[in-house]
Amino acid sequence: MTKLITPNVLRHLAWQIATGAAVAVVAVVAKTDYSSLGIYAPLAQASAALAASVVNEALGSAPKA
């Protein structure tokens, strides 16, 4: 059985949580809600996922196809 919680999974999870928290802080500081941030909120989450994938690839720890 393969290990489900790998360092890659933990890295992605940490980056997503940190990005979500940063977006929430921006929303609070701007006195607005998540939906009014428009495309920028989900774009931040997608960018974090992409960056985590790039780091995993650079570290040589990305899953092989």
PDB file of N, CA and C in Angstrom:
ATOM      1  N   MET A   1       0.844  -1.180   0.000  1.00  0.00           N
ATOM      2  CA  MET A   1       0.000   0.000   0.000  1.00  0.00           C
ATOM      3  C   MET A   1       0.889   1.243   0.000  1.00  0.00           C
ATOM      4  N   THR A   2       0.543   2.180  -0.842  1.00  0.00           N
ATOM      5  CA  THR A   2       1.349   3.394  -0.925  1.00  0.00           C
ATOM      6  C   THR A   2       1.001   4.343   0.215  1.00  0.00           C
ATOM      7  N   LYS A   3       1.969   5.121   0.569  1.00  0.00           N
ATOM      8  CA  LYS A   3       1.791   6.105   1.636  1.00  0.00           C
ATOM      9  C   LYS A   3       0.982   7.280   1.082  1.00  0.00           C
ATOM     10  N   LEU A   4      -0.140   7.622   1.718  1.00  0.00           N
ATOM     11  CA  LEU A   4      -1.023   8.679   1.217  1.00  0.00           C
ATOM     12  C   LEU A   4      -0.573  10.071   1.630  1.00  0.00           C
ATOM     13  N   ILE A   5      -0.006  10.199   2.807  1.00  0.00           N
ATOM     14  CA  ILE A   5       0.436  11.506   3.289  1.00  0.00           C
ATOM     15  C   ILE A   5       1.951  11.586   3.109  1.00  0.00           C
ATOM     16  N   THR A   6       2.346  12.112   1.976  1.00  0.00           N
ATOM     17  CA  THR A   6       3.766  12.250   1.654  1.00  0.00           C
ATOM     18  C   THR A   6       4.210  13.679   1.938  1.00  0.00           C
ATOM     19  N   PRO A   7       5.510  13.939   1.921  1.00  0.00           N
ATOM     20  CA  PRO A   7       5.977  15.319   2.079  1.00  0.00           C
ATOM     21  C   PRO A   7       5.401  16.251   1.003  1.00  0.00           C
ATOM     22  N   ASN A   8       5.195  15.737  -0.195  1.00  0.00           N
ATOM     23  CA  ASN A   8       4.595  16.560  -1.253  1.00  0.00           C
ATOM     24  C   ASN A   8       3.178  16.986  -0.884  1.00  0.00           C
ATOM     25  N   VAL A   9       2.396  16.034  -0.366  1.00  0.00           N
ATOM     26  CA  VAL A   9       1.016  16.338   0.032  1.00  0.00           C
ATOM     27  C   VAL A   9       1.027  17.365   1.165  1.00  0.00           C
ATOM     28  N   LEU A  10       1.904  17.171   2.137  1.00  0.00           N
ATOM     29  CA  LEU A  10       1.987  18.118   3.249  1.00  0.00           C
ATOM     30  C   LEU A  10       2.422  19.506   2.773  1.00  0.00           C
ATOM     31  N   ARG A  11       3.356  19.540   1.825  1.00  0.00           N
ATOM     32  CA  ARG A  11       3.822  20.820   1.280  1.00  0.00           C
ATOM     33  C   ARG A  11       2.668  21.541   0.571  1.00  0.00           C
ATOM     34  N   HIS A  12       1.925  20.813  -0.263  1.00  0.00           N
ATOM     35  CA  HIS A  12       0.775  21.424  -0.942  1.00  0.00           C
ATOM     36  C   HIS A  12      -0.247  21.924   0.064  1.00  0.00           C
ATOM     37  N   LEU A  13      -0.531  21.118   1.060  1.00  0.00           N
ATOM     38  CA  LEU A  13      -1.513  21.498   2.072  1.00  0.00           C
ATOM     39  C   LEU A  13      -1.078  22.758   2.818  1.00  0.00           C
ATOM     40  N   ALA A  14       0.182  22.797   3.213  1.00  0.00           N
ATOM     41  CA  ALA A  14       0.687  23.968   3.931  1.00  0.00           C
ATOM     42  C   ALA A  14       0.608  25.226   3.074  1.00  0.00           C
ATOM     43  N   TRP A  15       0.994  25.119   1.804  1.00  0.00           N
ATOM     44  CA  TRP A  15       0.955  26.285   0.914  1.00  0.00           C
ATOM     45  C   TRP A  15      -0.480  26.745   0.689  1.00  0.00           C
ATOM     46  N   GLN A  16      -1.415  25.804   0.538  1.00  0.00           N
ATOM     47  CA  GLN A  16      -2.808  26.180   0.323  1.00  0.00           C
ATOM     48  C   GLN A  16      -3.399  26.851   1.564  1.00  0.00           C
ATOM     49  N   ILE A  17      -3.090  26.320   2.735  1.00  0.00           N
ATOM     50  CA  ILE A  17      -3.597  26.925   3.969  1.00  0.00           C
ATOM     51  C   ILE A  17      -3.004  28.320   4.159  1.00  0.00           C
ATOM     52  N   ALA A  18      -1.713  28.455   3.931  1.00  0.00           N
ATOM     53  CA  ALA A  18      -1.064  29.759   4.081  1.00  0.00           C
ATOM     54  C   ALA A  18      -1.628  30.774   3.086  1.00  0.00           C
ATOM     55  N   THR A  19      -1.857  30.346   1.861  1.00  0.00           N
ATOM     56  CA  THR A  19      -2.412  31.256   0.857  1.00  0.00           C
ATOM     57  C   THR A  19      -3.847  31.635   1.201  1.00  0.00           C
ATOM     58  N   GLY A  20      -4.621  30.667   1.644  1.00  0.00           N
ATOM     59  CA  GLY A  20      -5.992  30.964   2.066  1.00  0.00           C
ATOM     60  C   GLY A  20      -6.022  31.945   3.224  1.00  0.00           C
ATOM     61  N   ALA A  21      -5.109  31.771   4.170  1.00  0.00           N
ATOM     62  CA  ALA A  21      -5.021  32.696   5.303  1.00  0.00           C
ATOM     63  C   ALA A  21      -4.623  34.091   4.840  1.00  0.00           C
ATOM     64  N   ALA A  22      -3.678  34.173   3.903  1.00  0.00           N
ATOM     65  CA  ALA A  22      -3.255  35.474   3.377  1.00  0.00           C
ATOM     66  C   ALA A  22      -4.411  36.173   2.659  1.00  0.00           C
ATOM     67  N   VAL A  23      -5.171  35.421   1.880  1.00  0.00           N
ATOM     68  CA  VAL A  23      -6.328  36.006   1.188  1.00  0.00           C
ATOM     69  C   VAL A  23      -7.364  36.473   2.212  1.00  0.00           C
ATOM     70  N   ALA A  24      -7.554  35.697   3.274  1.00  0.00           N
ATOM     71  CA  ALA A  24      -8.498  36.099   4.321  1.00  0.00           C
ATOM     72  C   ALA A  24      -8.041  37.376   5.009  1.00  0.00           C
ATOM     73  N   VAL A  25      -6.748  37.496   5.264  1.00  0.00           N
ATOM     74  CA  VAL A  25      -6.215  38.720   5.887  1.00  0.00           C
ATOM     75  C   VAL A  25      -6.442  39.914   4.964  1.00  0.00           C
ATOM     76  N   VAL A  26      -6.192  39.735   3.677  1.00  0.00           N
ATOM     77  CA  VAL A  26      -6.433  40.818   2.712  1.00  0.00           C
ATOM     78  C   VAL A  26      -7.902  41.220   2.727  1.00  0.00           C
ATOM     79  N   ALA A  27      -8.788  40.231   2.777  1.00  0.00           N
ATOM     80  CA  ALA A  27     -10.225  40.525   2.802  1.00  0.00           C
ATOM     81  C   ALA A  27     -10.605  41.294   4.065  1.00  0.00           C
ATOM     82  N   VAL A  28     -10.036  40.915   5.207  1.00  0.00           N
ATOM     83  CA  VAL A  28     -10.351  41.607   6.461  1.00  0.00           C
ATOM     84  C   VAL A  28      -9.798  43.029   6.438  1.00  0.00           C
ATOM     85  N   VAL A  29      -8.550  43.177   6.004  1.00  0.00           N
ATOM     86  CA  VAL A  29      -7.933  44.502   5.970  1.00  0.00           C
ATOM     87  C   VAL A  29      -8.684  45.420   5.004  1.00  0.00           C
ATOM     88  N   ALA A  30      -9.130  44.867   3.881  1.00  0.00           N
ATOM     89  CA  ALA A  30      -9.858  45.659   2.899  1.00  0.00           C
ATOM     90  C   ALA A  30     -11.337  45.824   3.272  1.00  0.00           C
ATOM     91  N   LYS A  31     -11.735  45.192   4.401  1.00  0.00           N
ATOM     92  CA  LYS A  31     -13.130  45.241   4.864  1.00  0.00           C
ATOM     93  C   LYS A  31     -14.095  44.807   3.768  1.00  0.00           C
ATOM     94  N   THR A  32     -13.809  43.646   3.203  1.00  0.00           N
ATOM     95  CA  THR A  32     -14.612  43.092   2.122  1.00  0.00           C
ATOM     96  C   THR A  32     -14.776  41.594   2.354  1.00  0.00           C
ATOM     97  N   ASP A  33     -15.483  40.928   1.482  1.00  0.00           N
ATOM     98  CA  ASP A  33     -15.601  39.483   1.610  1.00  0.00           C
ATOM     99  C   ASP A  33     -14.879  38.796   0.445  1.00  0.00           C
ATOM    100  N   TYR A  34     -14.719  37.493   0.588  1.00  0.00           N
ATOM    101  CA  TYR A  34     -13.947  36.701  -0.374  1.00  0.00           C
ATOM    102  C   TYR A  34     -14.477  36.872  -1.799  1.00  0.00           C
ATOM    103  N   SER A  35     -15.796  36.828  -1.958  1.00  0.00           N
ATOM    104  CA  SER A  35     -16.373  36.879  -3.304  1.00  0.00           C
ATOM    105  C   SER A  35     -16.138  38.215  -4.000  1.00  0.00           C
ATOM    106  N   SER A  36     -15.993  39.283  -3.231  1.00  0.00           N
ATOM    107  CA  SER A  36     -15.778  40.583  -3.863  1.00  0.00           C
ATOM    108  C   SER A  36     -14.335  40.772  -4.326  1.00  0.00           C
ATOM    109  N   LEU A  37     -13.454  39.849  -3.955  1.00  0.00           N
ATOM    110  CA  LEU A  37     -12.081  39.908  -4.454  1.00  0.00           C
ATOM    111  C   LEU A  37     -12.010  39.463  -5.918  1.00  0.00           C
ATOM    112  N   GLY A  38     -13.117  38.947  -6.415  1.00  0.00           N
ATOM    113  CA  GLY A  38     -13.195  38.562  -7.824  1.00  0.00           C
ATOM    114  C   GLY A  38     -12.242  37.432  -8.161  1.00  0.00           C
ATOM    115  N   ILE A  39     -11.596  37.555  -9.300  1.00  0.00           N
ATOM    116  CA  ILE A  39     -10.716  36.504  -9.801  1.00  0.00           C
ATOM    117  C   ILE A  39      -9.445  36.371  -8.981  1.00  0.00           C
ATOM    118  N   TYR A  40      -9.084  37.377  -8.198  1.00  0.00           N
ATOM    119  CA  TYR A  40      -7.803  37.364  -7.504  1.00  0.00           C
ATOM    120  C   TYR A  40      -7.722  36.327  -6.384  1.00  0.00           C
ATOM    121  N   ALA A  41      -8.808  36.062  -5.686  1.00  0.00           N
ATOM    122  CA  ALA A  41      -8.774  35.079  -4.604  1.00  0.00           C
ATOM    123  C   ALA A  41      -8.503  33.664  -5.139  1.00  0.00           C
ATOM    124  N   PRO A  42      -9.295  33.159  -6.088  1.00  0.00           N
ATOM    125  CA  PRO A  42      -8.980  31.822  -6.601  1.00  0.00           C
ATOM    126  C   PRO A  42      -7.678  31.788  -7.388  1.00  0.00           C
ATOM    127  N   LEU A  43      -7.296  32.903  -7.993  1.00  0.00           N
ATOM    128  CA  LEU A  43      -6.024  32.963  -8.709  1.00  0.00           C
ATOM    129  C   LEU A  43      -4.860  32.804  -7.737  1.00  0.00           C
ATOM    130  N   ALA A  44      -4.986  33.356  -6.548  1.00  0.00           N
ATOM    131  CA  ALA A  44      -3.940  33.196  -5.529  1.00  0.00           C
ATOM    132  C   ALA A  44      -3.822  31.729  -5.128  1.00  0.00           C
ATOM    133  N   GLN A  45      -4.947  31.049  -4.937  1.00  0.00           N
ATOM    134  CA  GLN A  45      -4.928  29.637  -4.576  1.00  0.00           C
ATOM    135  C   GLN A  45      -4.303  28.794  -5.696  1.00  0.00           C
ATOM    136  N   ALA A  46      -4.679  29.079  -6.932  1.00  0.00           N
ATOM    137  CA  ALA A  46      -4.130  28.334  -8.068  1.00  0.00           C
ATOM    138  C   ALA A  46      -2.632  28.576  -8.207  1.00  0.00           C
ATOM    139  N   SER A  47      -2.200  29.799  -7.978  1.00  0.00           N
ATOM    140  CA  SER A  47      -0.774  30.121  -8.063  1.00  0.00           C
ATOM    141  C   SER A  47       0.016  29.384  -6.987  1.00  0.00           C
ATOM    142  N   ALA A  48      -0.555  29.264  -5.795  1.00  0.00           N
ATOM    143  CA  ALA A  48       0.112  28.527  -4.718  1.00  0.00           C
ATOM    144  C   ALA A  48       0.248  27.052  -5.080  1.00  0.00           C
ATOM    145  N   ALA A  49      -0.798  26.472  -5.658  1.00  0.00           N
ATOM    146  CA  ALA A  49      -0.727  25.067  -6.064  1.00  0.00           C
ATOM    147  C   ALA A  49       0.315  24.868  -7.154  1.00  0.00           C
ATOM    148  N   LEU A  50       0.358  25.778  -8.108  1.00  0.00           N
ATOM    149  CA  LEU A  50       1.339  25.688  -9.189  1.00  0.00           C
ATOM    150  C   LEU A  50       2.755  25.839  -8.641  1.00  0.00           C
ATOM    151  N   ALA A  51       2.955  26.776  -7.733  1.00  0.00           N
ATOM    152  CA  ALA A  51       4.281  26.979  -7.148  1.00  0.00           C
ATOM    153  C   ALA A  51       4.720  25.746  -6.361  1.00  0.00           C
ATOM    154  N   ALA A  52       3.812  25.136  -5.618  1.00  0.00           N
ATOM    155  CA  ALA A  52       4.150  23.924  -4.874  1.00  0.00           C
ATOM    156  C   ALA A  52       4.529  22.798  -5.823  1.00  0.00           C
ATOM    157  N   SER A  53       3.836  22.683  -6.935  1.00  0.00           N
ATOM    158  CA  SER A  53       4.174  21.660  -7.930  1.00  0.00           C
ATOM    159  C   SER A  53       5.553  21.906  -8.532  1.00  0.00           C
ATOM    160  N   VAL A  54       5.860  23.160  -8.803  1.00  0.00           N
ATOM    161  CA  VAL A  54       7.178  23.507  -9.358  1.00  0.00           C
ATOM    162  C   VAL A  54       8.273  23.159  -8.352  1.00  0.00           C
ATOM    163  N   VAL A  55       8.047  23.463  -7.068  1.00  0.00           N
ATOM    164  CA  VAL A  55       9.037  23.142  -6.041  1.00  0.00           C
ATOM    165  C   VAL A  55       9.218  21.629  -5.932  1.00  0.00           C
ATOM    166  N   ASN A  56       8.110  20.889  -5.957  1.00  0.00           N
ATOM    167  CA  ASN A  56       8.215  19.427  -5.882  1.00  0.00           C
ATOM    168  C   ASN A  56       9.013  18.880  -7.060  1.00  0.00           C
ATOM    169  N   GLU A  57       8.797  19.430  -8.245  1.00  0.00           N
ATOM    170  CA  GLU A  57       9.532  19.005  -9.431  1.00  0.00           C
ATOM    171  C   GLU A  57      11.007  19.362  -9.286  1.00  0.00           C
ATOM    172  N   ALA A  58      11.297  20.560  -8.803  1.00  0.00           N
ATOM    173  CA  ALA A  58      12.676  21.005  -8.642  1.00  0.00           C
ATOM    174  C   ALA A  58      13.418  20.151  -7.610  1.00  0.00           C
ATOM    175  N   LEU A  59      12.710  19.713  -6.581  1.00  0.00           N
ATOM    176  CA  LEU A  59      13.320  18.874  -5.553  1.00  0.00           C
ATOM    177  C   LEU A  59      13.454  17.425  -6.013  1.00  0.00           C
ATOM    178  N   GLY A  60      12.850  17.112  -7.149  1.00  0.00           N
ATOM    179  CA  GLY A  60      12.896  15.739  -7.651  1.00  0.00           C
ATOM    180  C   GLY A  60      11.984  14.805  -6.910  1.00  0.00           C
ATOM    181  N   SER A  61      11.007  15.350  -6.191  1.00  0.00           N
ATOM    182  CA  SER A  61      10.122  14.514  -5.395  1.00  0.00           C
ATOM    183  C   SER A  61       8.715  14.410  -5.977  1.00  0.00           C
ATOM    184  N   ALA A  62       8.516  14.964  -7.160  1.00  0.00           N
ATOM    185  CA  ALA A  62       7.200  14.871  -7.806  1.00  0.00           C
ATOM    186  C   ALA A  62       6.942  13.430  -8.247  1.00  0.00           C
ATOM    187  N   PRO A  63       5.686  13.005  -8.209  1.00  0.00           N
ATOM    188  CA  PRO A  63       5.377  11.647  -8.663  1.00  0.00           C
ATOM    189  C   PRO A  63       5.752  11.461 -10.140  1.00  0.00           C
ATOM    190  N   LYS A  64       6.219  10.285 -10.447  1.00  0.00           N
ATOM    191  CA  LYS A  64       6.572   9.975 -11.841  1.00  0.00           C
ATOM    192  C   LYS A  64       5.349   9.424 -12.553  1.00  0.00           C
ATOM    193  N   ALA A  65       5.151   9.859 -13.778  1.00  0.00           N
ATOM    194  CA  ALA A  65       3.980   9.410 -14.550  1.00  0.00           C
ATOM    195  C   ALA A  65       4.140   7.998 -15.050  1.00  0.00           C
TER     196      ALA A  65
END
